[in-house]
Every structure is written in structure tokens, then in C-alpha cells.
Amino acid sequence: MKLTVFLTFMTFFKVPLLWGQEAKQAIEVFPSTPFYQYIIYENLVIFWIAIIGLIVIIGMKLREIERVQKLGLDKTDHLSMRSD
């Protein structure tokens, strides 16, 4: 009985404290080598340039849609545009 109580105490009270001490150790996420830092920054620049490019393309498409709606070309009869 004493052994069961002791093991239960160790399991519920001591083991999580040991796991918490291991979790406090610092894990290096960002590389310390300048070459790999350069690669990360380069990828970030390419990513943001692509995001800005997509925003510009979406804006151009929205302006084109507005232009077509102002001209009234979206209300034309689709049957008359068929080529058969």
C-alpha cells in the first residue's frame, strides 16, 4: 500500500516538474550561420514581393470589371455572341 501511494505521488507530482524543467531549455529557432540567415531573408523578400504582386493584379482585374460594367458590355445578349 505504501509503495502504491509513493508511486502515485511520484507520478502526479514529481514527473511533471521534471518535464517542465526540460521545456525551459531554449531551443534555437533562427539559424546562427549568416548564410542561412541570408536565405531566410531572401525567401521573405520574395514572398512579400509575390503578395504585393497579387494585390496589384487583383486591383487591375477589379478596375477592368468596373470599366466593363460602366460600358454596359456585361448586359449584352450572350446568344448573339455564339459563333454557330
N, C-alpha and C. Protein backbone atom coordinates (compact mmCIF):
# COMPACT_ATOMS: atom_id res chain seq x y z
N MET A 1 0.82 -1.20 0.00
CA MET A 1 0.00 0.00 0.00
C MET A 1 0.86 1.26 0.00
N LYS A 2 1.91 1.24 0.82
CA LYS A 2 2.79 2.40 0.87
C LYS A 2 3.50 2.61 -0.47
N LEU A 3 3.86 1.51 -1.12
CA LEU A 3 4.53 1.60 -2.42
C LEU A 3 3.60 2.21 -3.46
N THR A 4 2.33 1.84 -3.44
CA THR A 4 1.36 2.39 -4.39
C THR A 4 1.16 3.89 -4.17
N VAL A 5 1.06 4.29 -2.93
CA VAL A 5 0.90 5.71 -2.62
C VAL A 5 2.14 6.47 -3.05
N PHE A 6 3.31 5.91 -2.80
CA PHE A 6 4.56 6.57 -3.16
C PHE A 6 4.68 6.72 -4.69
N LEU A 7 4.36 5.66 -5.41
CA LEU A 7 4.44 5.73 -6.87
C LEU A 7 3.42 6.71 -7.44
N THR A 8 2.24 6.76 -6.86
CA THR A 8 1.23 7.71 -7.31
C THR A 8 1.70 9.13 -7.05
N PHE A 9 2.27 9.37 -5.88
CA PHE A 9 2.80 10.69 -5.56
C PHE A 9 3.89 11.09 -6.54
N MET A 10 4.81 10.18 -6.84
CA MET A 10 5.90 10.47 -7.77
C MET A 10 5.37 10.74 -9.17
N THR A 11 4.38 9.99 -9.58
CA THR A 11 3.86 10.14 -10.93
C THR A 11 3.14 11.47 -11.11
N PHE A 12 2.30 11.84 -10.17
CA PHE A 12 1.46 13.03 -10.34
C PHE A 12 2.12 14.33 -9.92
N PHE A 13 3.14 14.25 -9.05
CA PHE A 13 3.69 15.50 -8.54
C PHE A 13 5.13 15.77 -8.96
N LYS A 14 5.92 14.75 -9.15
CA LYS A 14 7.33 14.98 -9.45
C LYS A 14 7.64 14.93 -10.95
N VAL A 15 7.03 14.03 -11.66
CA VAL A 15 7.35 13.86 -13.07
C VAL A 15 7.00 15.11 -13.89
N PRO A 16 5.82 15.73 -13.72
CA PRO A 16 5.55 16.96 -14.50
C PRO A 16 6.53 18.09 -14.21
N LEU A 17 7.04 18.15 -12.99
CA LEU A 17 8.04 19.17 -12.67
C LEU A 17 9.32 18.93 -13.45
N LEU A 18 9.71 17.68 -13.60
CA LEU A 18 10.91 17.37 -14.38
C LEU A 18 10.69 17.69 -15.86
N TRP A 19 9.50 17.40 -16.37
CA TRP A 19 9.21 17.72 -17.77
C TRP A 19 9.22 19.23 -17.99
N GLY A 20 8.72 19.98 -17.00
CA GLY A 20 8.72 21.43 -17.11
C GLY A 20 10.12 22.00 -17.15
N GLN A 21 11.05 21.40 -16.44
CA GLN A 21 12.43 21.89 -16.44
C GLN A 21 13.07 21.67 -17.81
N GLU A 22 12.74 20.56 -18.46
CA GLU A 22 13.26 20.31 -19.81
C GLU A 22 12.67 21.29 -20.81
N ALA A 23 11.44 21.69 -20.60
CA ALA A 23 10.78 22.61 -21.53
C ALA A 23 11.34 24.02 -21.42
N LYS A 24 11.95 24.36 -20.32
CA LYS A 24 12.50 25.70 -20.13
C LYS A 24 13.78 25.91 -20.91
N GLN A 25 14.40 24.85 -21.38
CA GLN A 25 15.63 25.00 -22.16
C GLN A 25 15.32 25.72 -23.46
N ALA A 26 16.19 26.64 -23.81
CA ALA A 26 15.98 27.43 -25.02
C ALA A 26 16.27 26.59 -26.26
N ILE A 27 15.35 26.61 -27.18
CA ILE A 27 15.52 25.92 -28.45
C ILE A 27 15.82 26.97 -29.50
N GLU A 28 16.92 26.82 -30.18
CA GLU A 28 17.30 27.80 -31.19
C GLU A 28 16.47 27.59 -32.45
N VAL A 29 15.71 28.61 -32.81
CA VAL A 29 14.83 28.52 -33.96
C VAL A 29 15.47 29.18 -35.17
N PHE A 30 16.04 30.36 -34.96
CA PHE A 30 16.66 31.10 -36.04
C PHE A 30 18.11 30.66 -36.18
N PRO A 31 18.58 30.36 -37.38
CA PRO A 31 19.95 29.86 -37.55
C PRO A 31 20.99 30.91 -37.20
N SER A 32 22.11 30.45 -36.70
CA SER A 32 23.17 31.38 -36.30
C SER A 32 24.17 31.61 -37.43
N THR A 33 24.13 30.78 -38.46
CA THR A 33 25.04 30.94 -39.58
C THR A 33 24.54 32.05 -40.51
N PRO A 34 25.41 32.99 -40.88
CA PRO A 34 24.97 34.10 -41.74
C PRO A 34 24.42 33.66 -43.09
N PHE A 35 24.96 32.57 -43.63
CA PHE A 35 24.49 32.09 -44.93
C PHE A 35 23.02 31.68 -44.86
N TYR A 36 22.64 30.96 -43.81
CA TYR A 36 21.26 30.52 -43.68
C TYR A 36 20.34 31.69 -43.31
N GLN A 37 20.85 32.66 -42.58
CA GLN A 37 20.07 33.86 -42.30
C GLN A 37 19.76 34.60 -43.60
N TYR A 38 20.76 34.70 -44.46
CA TYR A 38 20.56 35.35 -45.76
C TYR A 38 19.48 34.64 -46.57
N ILE A 39 19.48 33.32 -46.56
CA ILE A 39 18.48 32.55 -47.31
C ILE A 39 17.08 32.82 -46.77
N ILE A 40 16.95 32.89 -45.45
CA ILE A 40 15.64 33.16 -44.85
C ILE A 40 15.15 34.55 -45.24
N TYR A 41 16.03 35.55 -45.15
CA TYR A 41 15.62 36.91 -45.52
C TYR A 41 15.29 37.01 -47.01
N GLU A 42 16.04 36.31 -47.83
CA GLU A 42 15.78 36.32 -49.26
C GLU A 42 14.41 35.71 -49.57
N ASN A 43 14.08 34.62 -48.90
CA ASN A 43 12.77 34.00 -49.10
C ASN A 43 11.64 34.91 -48.62
N LEU A 44 11.86 35.63 -47.53
CA LEU A 44 10.85 36.57 -47.05
C LEU A 44 10.62 37.70 -48.06
N VAL A 45 11.69 38.20 -48.65
CA VAL A 45 11.57 39.27 -49.64
C VAL A 45 10.79 38.76 -50.86
N ILE A 46 11.12 37.58 -51.34
CA ILE A 46 10.41 37.02 -52.48
C ILE A 46 8.94 36.80 -52.15
N PHE A 47 8.66 36.33 -50.96
CA PHE A 47 7.27 36.11 -50.52
C PHE A 47 6.48 37.41 -50.54
N TRP A 48 7.03 38.47 -49.96
CA TRP A 48 6.30 39.74 -49.89
C TRP A 48 6.17 40.40 -51.25
N ILE A 49 7.15 40.24 -52.11
CA ILE A 49 7.01 40.76 -53.47
C ILE A 49 5.88 40.04 -54.20
N ALA A 50 5.77 38.74 -53.99
CA ALA A 50 4.68 37.98 -54.61
C ALA A 50 3.32 38.41 -54.06
N ILE A 51 3.23 38.65 -52.77
CA ILE A 51 1.97 39.10 -52.17
C ILE A 51 1.57 40.46 -52.74
N ILE A 52 2.51 41.38 -52.82
CA ILE A 52 2.22 42.71 -53.37
C ILE A 52 1.82 42.60 -54.84
N GLY A 53 2.49 41.72 -55.59
CA GLY A 53 2.13 41.49 -56.99
C GLY A 53 0.71 40.97 -57.14
N LEU A 54 0.31 40.05 -56.26
CA LEU A 54 -1.05 39.53 -56.32
C LEU A 54 -2.08 40.62 -56.01
N ILE A 55 -1.76 41.48 -55.06
CA ILE A 55 -2.67 42.58 -54.73
C ILE A 55 -2.82 43.52 -55.92
N VAL A 56 -1.71 43.81 -56.61
CA VAL A 56 -1.77 44.68 -57.79
C VAL A 56 -2.60 44.04 -58.89
N ILE A 57 -2.41 42.75 -59.13
CA ILE A 57 -3.17 42.05 -60.17
C ILE A 57 -4.67 42.05 -59.84
N ILE A 58 -5.01 41.81 -58.58
CA ILE A 58 -6.43 41.83 -58.19
C ILE A 58 -7.02 43.22 -58.39
N GLY A 59 -6.25 44.25 -58.04
CA GLY A 59 -6.73 45.62 -58.26
C GLY A 59 -6.95 45.91 -59.73
N MET A 60 -6.06 45.45 -60.60
CA MET A 60 -6.22 45.66 -62.04
C MET A 60 -7.47 44.95 -62.55
N LYS A 61 -7.70 43.74 -62.08
CA LYS A 61 -8.88 42.99 -62.51
C LYS A 61 -10.17 43.68 -62.05
N LEU A 62 -10.15 44.21 -60.82
CA LEU A 62 -11.34 44.90 -60.34
C LEU A 62 -11.62 46.16 -61.14
N ARG A 63 -10.58 46.90 -61.52
CA ARG A 63 -10.76 48.08 -62.36
C ARG A 63 -11.30 47.70 -63.73
N GLU A 64 -10.83 46.57 -64.26
CA GLU A 64 -11.32 46.11 -65.56
C GLU A 64 -12.79 45.73 -65.48
N ILE A 65 -13.18 45.07 -64.40
CA ILE A 65 -14.59 44.69 -64.22
C ILE A 65 -15.45 45.94 -64.12
N GLU A 66 -15.00 46.94 -63.36
CA GLU A 66 -15.76 48.19 -63.25
C GLU A 66 -15.88 48.88 -64.60
N ARG A 67 -14.81 48.87 -65.40
CA ARG A 67 -14.84 49.50 -66.72
C ARG A 67 -15.85 48.81 -67.62
N VAL A 68 -15.86 47.49 -67.60
CA VAL A 68 -16.80 46.72 -68.43
C VAL A 68 -18.23 46.99 -67.98
N GLN A 69 -18.44 47.09 -66.67
CA GLN A 69 -19.80 47.37 -66.18
C GLN A 69 -20.25 48.78 -66.56
N LYS A 70 -19.35 49.74 -66.56
CA LYS A 70 -19.71 51.11 -66.96
C LYS A 70 -20.08 51.18 -68.44
N LEU A 71 -19.40 50.40 -69.27
CA LEU A 71 -19.71 50.39 -70.69
C LEU A 71 -20.99 49.62 -71.00
N GLY A 72 -21.43 48.80 -70.08
CA GLY A 72 -22.64 48.03 -70.30
C GLY A 72 -22.41 46.79 -71.11
N LEU A 73 -21.17 46.39 -71.28
CA LEU A 73 -20.89 45.20 -72.08
C LEU A 73 -21.29 43.91 -71.39
N ASP A 74 -21.48 43.96 -70.09
CA ASP A 74 -21.87 42.75 -69.37
C ASP A 74 -23.35 42.43 -69.55
N LYS A 75 -24.13 43.35 -70.12
CA LYS A 75 -25.56 43.14 -70.30
C LYS A 75 -25.93 42.74 -71.72
N THR A 76 -24.94 42.41 -72.54
CA THR A 76 -25.23 42.04 -73.92
C THR A 76 -25.84 40.65 -73.96
N ASP A 77 -26.53 40.38 -75.07
CA ASP A 77 -27.17 39.08 -75.25
C ASP A 77 -26.10 38.05 -75.57
N HIS A 78 -26.01 37.04 -74.74
CA HIS A 78 -24.99 36.02 -74.92
C HIS A 78 -25.29 35.11 -76.10
N LEU A 79 -26.56 35.02 -76.53
CA LEU A 79 -26.90 34.17 -77.66
C LEU A 79 -26.38 34.76 -78.98
N SER A 80 -26.34 36.07 -79.08
CA SER A 80 -25.88 36.68 -80.32
C SER A 80 -24.35 36.59 -80.46
N MET A 81 -23.66 36.28 -79.40
CA MET A 81 -22.21 36.18 -79.45
C MET A 81 -21.74 34.78 -79.84
N ARG A 82 -22.69 33.83 -79.94
CA ARG A 82 -22.31 32.47 -80.30
C ARG A 82 -21.92 32.43 -81.78
N SER A 83 -20.96 31.58 -82.08
CA SER A 83 -20.46 31.54 -83.46
C SER A 83 -21.05 30.41 -84.30
N ASP A 84 -22.00 29.63 -83.76
CA ASP A 84 -22.55 28.53 -84.57
C ASP A 84 -23.85 28.90 -85.14
